[in-house]
Amino acid sequence: MFLNLIPKIFYERLEDGLTFFVDGLGFELVHRDGELAVVERDGAKAYIVQNAACAAQDRPELGIETDDIDAVFNEMSARCPQLLHPNLNRVTLRPWGAREFAMLDKTTVCVVFREWPDET
């Protein structure tokens, strides 16, 4: 019944969000009008919204699960190394069992890429 949970991410300037998600993380811009843009990649989707008041109140941390974190890390570190989070700038085994790395934009929106171990 549920298909997707799609976050709305607020930016003071819409272009800052598009720079991070499209230019930095390789998402595709699939819709844009006025103060809203929809970005998508490999089934992951987000709404980027220009709203300075909301952006001032919340800088989210988003998680994207992957089944090949090493390939994602290699792509992101080659595409935009300046966006690697200073505290998680390499694939790291976390205490909860996931392997993770993170990207951080200039407004402090954080995207954590995560791979869980196989259940086999």
C-alpha atoms as a PDB file:
ATOM      1  CA  MET A   1       0.000   0.000   0.000  1.00  0.00           C
ATOM      2  CA  PHE A   2       2.706   2.523   0.899  1.00  0.00           C
ATOM      3  CA  LEU A   3       5.007   3.166  -2.045  1.00  0.00           C
ATOM      4  CA  ASN A   4       7.435   5.937  -1.084  1.00  0.00           C
ATOM      5  CA  LEU A   5       8.153   8.456   1.625  1.00  0.00           C
ATOM      6  CA  ILE A   6       9.268  11.643  -0.125  1.00  0.00           C
ATOM      7  CA  PRO A   7      10.938  14.384   1.928  1.00  0.00           C
ATOM      8  CA  LYS A   8      10.367  18.067   1.391  1.00  0.00           C
ATOM      9  CA  ILE A   9      13.653  19.944   1.847  1.00  0.00           C
ATOM     10  CA  PHE A  10      13.499  23.696   2.352  1.00  0.00           C
ATOM     11  CA  TYR A  11      16.122  26.117   1.091  1.00  0.00           C
ATOM     12  CA  GLU A  12      16.369  29.881   1.288  1.00  0.00           C
ATOM     13  CA  ARG A  13      17.278  29.741  -2.406  1.00  0.00           C
ATOM     14  CA  LEU A  14      15.964  26.951  -4.650  1.00  0.00           C
ATOM     15  CA  GLU A  15      19.216  27.032  -6.624  1.00  0.00           C
ATOM     16  CA  ASP A  16      21.205  25.919  -3.552  1.00  0.00           C
ATOM     17  CA  GLY A  17      19.123  22.755  -3.312  1.00  0.00           C
ATOM     18  CA  LEU A  18      19.384  22.061  -7.030  1.00  0.00           C
ATOM     19  CA  THR A  19      23.144  22.591  -6.949  1.00  0.00           C
ATOM     20  CA  PHE A  20      23.473  19.985  -4.188  1.00  0.00           C
ATOM     21  CA  PHE A  21      21.053  17.366  -5.468  1.00  0.00           C
ATOM     22  CA  VAL A  22      21.409  17.722  -9.259  1.00  0.00           C
ATOM     23  CA  ASP A  23      24.984  18.925  -9.754  1.00  0.00           C
ATOM     24  CA  GLY A  24      26.442  17.277  -6.659  1.00  0.00           C
ATOM     25  CA  LEU A  25      24.539  14.039  -6.104  1.00  0.00           C
ATOM     26  CA  GLY A  26      23.528  13.369  -9.709  1.00  0.00           C
ATOM     27  CA  PHE A  27      19.756  13.565  -9.289  1.00  0.00           C
ATOM     28  CA  GLU A  28      17.651  14.447 -12.324  1.00  0.00           C
ATOM     29  CA  LEU A  29      15.381  17.492 -12.272  1.00  0.00           C
ATOM     30  CA  VAL A  30      11.969  16.059 -13.221  1.00  0.00           C
ATOM     31  CA  HIS A  31       9.749  19.053 -12.423  1.00  0.00           C
ATOM     32  CA  ARG A  32      10.158  22.712 -11.590  1.00  0.00           C
ATOM     33  CA  ASP A  33       7.694  25.534 -11.131  1.00  0.00           C
ATOM     34  CA  GLY A  34       7.996  28.676  -9.088  1.00  0.00           C
ATOM     35  CA  GLU A  35       9.313  27.670  -5.677  1.00  0.00           C
ATOM     36  CA  LEU A  36       9.177  23.867  -6.058  1.00  0.00           C
ATOM     37  CA  ALA A  37      11.436  21.389  -7.809  1.00  0.00           C
ATOM     38  CA  VAL A  38      11.209  17.599  -7.879  1.00  0.00           C
ATOM     39  CA  VAL A  39      14.444  15.618  -8.181  1.00  0.00           C
ATOM     40  CA  GLU A  40      14.818  11.892  -8.675  1.00  0.00           C
ATOM     41  CA  ARG A  41      17.499   9.253  -9.026  1.00  0.00           C
ATOM     42  CA  ASP A  42      17.213   5.462  -9.047  1.00  0.00           C
ATOM     43  CA  GLY A  43      13.779   5.591  -7.421  1.00  0.00           C
ATOM     44  CA  ALA A  44      14.809   8.057  -4.694  1.00  0.00           C
ATOM     45  CA  LYS A  45      12.867  11.311  -4.917  1.00  0.00           C
ATOM     46  CA  ALA A  46      12.812  14.627  -3.046  1.00  0.00           C
ATOM     47  CA  TYR A  47      10.879  17.863  -3.230  1.00  0.00           C
ATOM     48  CA  ILE A  48      13.140  20.920  -3.092  1.00  0.00           C
ATOM     49  CA  VAL A  49      11.191  23.944  -1.883  1.00  0.00           C
ATOM     50  CA  GLN A  50      12.226  27.593  -1.694  1.00  0.00           C
ATOM     51  CA  ASN A  51      11.028  28.906   1.665  1.00  0.00           C
ATOM     52  CA  ALA A  52      13.473  30.962   3.710  1.00  0.00           C
ATOM     53  CA  ALA A  53      11.452  30.798   6.939  1.00  0.00           C
ATOM     54  CA  CYS A  54      11.243  26.993   6.907  1.00  0.00           C
ATOM     55  CA  ALA A  55      14.891  26.679   5.844  1.00  0.00           C
ATOM     56  CA  ALA A  56      15.955  28.766   8.837  1.00  0.00           C
ATOM     57  CA  GLN A  57      14.162  26.362  11.189  1.00  0.00           C
ATOM     58  CA  ASP A  58      15.370  23.008   9.891  1.00  0.00           C
ATOM     59  CA  ARG A  59      18.438  21.582   8.150  1.00  0.00           C
ATOM     60  CA  PRO A  60      17.608  17.909   7.689  1.00  0.00           C
ATOM     61  CA  GLU A  61      19.719  14.790   7.671  1.00  0.00           C
ATOM     62  CA  LEU A  62      18.453  12.344   5.053  1.00  0.00           C
ATOM     63  CA  GLY A  63      19.380   8.706   4.621  1.00  0.00           C
ATOM     64  CA  ILE A  64      19.638   6.865   1.317  1.00  0.00           C
ATOM     65  CA  GLU A  65      20.062   3.106   1.481  1.00  0.00           C
ATOM     66  CA  THR A  66      22.112   1.446  -1.238  1.00  0.00           C
ATOM     67  CA  ASP A  67      23.171  -2.067  -2.151  1.00  0.00           C
ATOM     68  CA  ASP A  68      26.620  -0.945  -3.398  1.00  0.00           C
ATOM     69  CA  ILE A  69      28.028   1.710  -1.101  1.00  0.00           C
ATOM     70  CA  ASP A  70      31.537   1.398  -2.514  1.00  0.00           C
ATOM     71  CA  ALA A  71      30.332   2.263  -6.034  1.00  0.00           C
ATOM     72  CA  VAL A  72      28.264   5.174  -4.710  1.00  0.00           C
ATOM     73  CA  PHE A  73      31.207   6.462  -2.689  1.00  0.00           C
ATOM     74  CA  ASN A  74      33.555   6.198  -5.677  1.00  0.00           C
ATOM     75  CA  GLU A  75      31.103   8.169  -7.817  1.00  0.00           C
ATOM     76  CA  MET A  76      30.426  10.872  -5.224  1.00  0.00           C
ATOM     77  CA  SER A  77      34.043  11.328  -4.218  1.00  0.00           C
ATOM     78  CA  ALA A  78      35.015  11.740  -7.891  1.00  0.00           C
ATOM     79  CA  ARG A  79      31.992  13.927  -8.783  1.00  0.00           C
ATOM     80  CA  CYS A  80      32.070  16.339  -5.850  1.00  0.00           C
ATOM     81  CA  PRO A  81      34.751  15.638  -3.228  1.00  0.00           C
ATOM     82  CA  GLN A  82      34.175  19.070  -1.687  1.00  0.00           C
ATOM     83  CA  LEU A  83      30.735  17.878  -0.547  1.00  0.00           C
ATOM     84  CA  LEU A  84      32.003  14.904   1.480  1.00  0.00           C
ATOM     85  CA  HIS A  85      31.014  15.425   5.111  1.00  0.00           C
ATOM     86  CA  PRO A  86      34.123  16.242   7.169  1.00  0.00           C
ATOM     87  CA  ASN A  87      33.055  13.805   9.922  1.00  0.00           C
ATOM     88  CA  LEU A  88      32.103  10.892   7.633  1.00  0.00           C
ATOM     89  CA  ASN A  89      34.134  11.383   4.448  1.00  0.00           C
ATOM     90  CA  ARG A  90      34.889   7.716   3.806  1.00  0.00           C
ATOM     91  CA  VAL A  91      32.934   4.480   3.988  1.00  0.00           C
ATOM     92  CA  THR A  92      32.885   3.562   7.655  1.00  0.00           C
ATOM     93  CA  LEU A  93      31.445   0.598   9.530  1.00  0.00           C
ATOM     94  CA  ARG A  94      29.166   2.079  12.159  1.00  0.00           C
ATOM     95  CA  PRO A  95      28.459   0.534  15.603  1.00  0.00           C
ATOM     96  CA  TRP A  96      24.907  -0.373  14.482  1.00  0.00           C
ATOM     97  CA  GLY A  97      26.264  -2.556  11.675  1.00  0.00           C
ATOM     98  CA  ALA A  98      25.740  -0.361   8.617  1.00  0.00           C
ATOM     99  CA  ARG A  99      28.502   0.921   6.341  1.00  0.00           C
ATOM    100  CA  GLU A 100      28.053   4.677   5.768  1.00  0.00           C
ATOM    101  CA  PHE A 101      29.458   7.892   4.368  1.00  0.00           C
ATOM    102  CA  ALA A 102      27.848  11.335   4.137  1.00  0.00           C
ATOM    103  CA  MET A 103      27.587  14.394   1.936  1.00  0.00           C
ATOM    104  CA  LEU A 104      27.015  17.924   3.284  1.00  0.00           C
ATOM    105  CA  ASP A 105      25.944  21.018   1.368  1.00  0.00           C
ATOM    106  CA  LYS A 106      26.791  24.629   2.157  1.00  0.00           C
ATOM    107  CA  THR A 107      23.501  25.082   4.036  1.00  0.00           C
ATOM    108  CA  THR A 108      24.233  21.973   6.187  1.00  0.00           C
ATOM    109  CA  VAL A 109      21.700  19.638   4.593  1.00  0.00           C
ATOM    110  CA  CYS A 110      23.242  16.207   5.117  1.00  0.00           C
ATOM    111  CA  VAL A 111      22.699  13.038   3.079  1.00  0.00           C
ATOM    112  CA  VAL A 112      23.971   9.811   4.631  1.00  0.00           C
ATOM    113  CA  PHE A 113      24.468   6.900   2.250  1.00  0.00           C
ATOM    114  CA  ARG A 114      24.018   3.572   4.026  1.00  0.00           C
ATOM    115  CA  GLU A 115      24.437  -0.102   3.200  1.00  0.00           C
ATOM    116  CA  TRP A 116      23.164  -2.733   5.603  1.00  0.00           C
ATOM    117  CA  PRO A 117      24.825  -6.153   5.752  1.00  0.00           C
ATOM    118  CA  ASP A 118      23.180  -9.064   3.969  1.00  0.00           C
ATOM    119  CA  GLU A 119      20.828 -11.028   6.179  1.00  0.00           C
ATOM    120  CA  THR A 120      22.194 -14.350   4.862  1.00  0.00           C
END
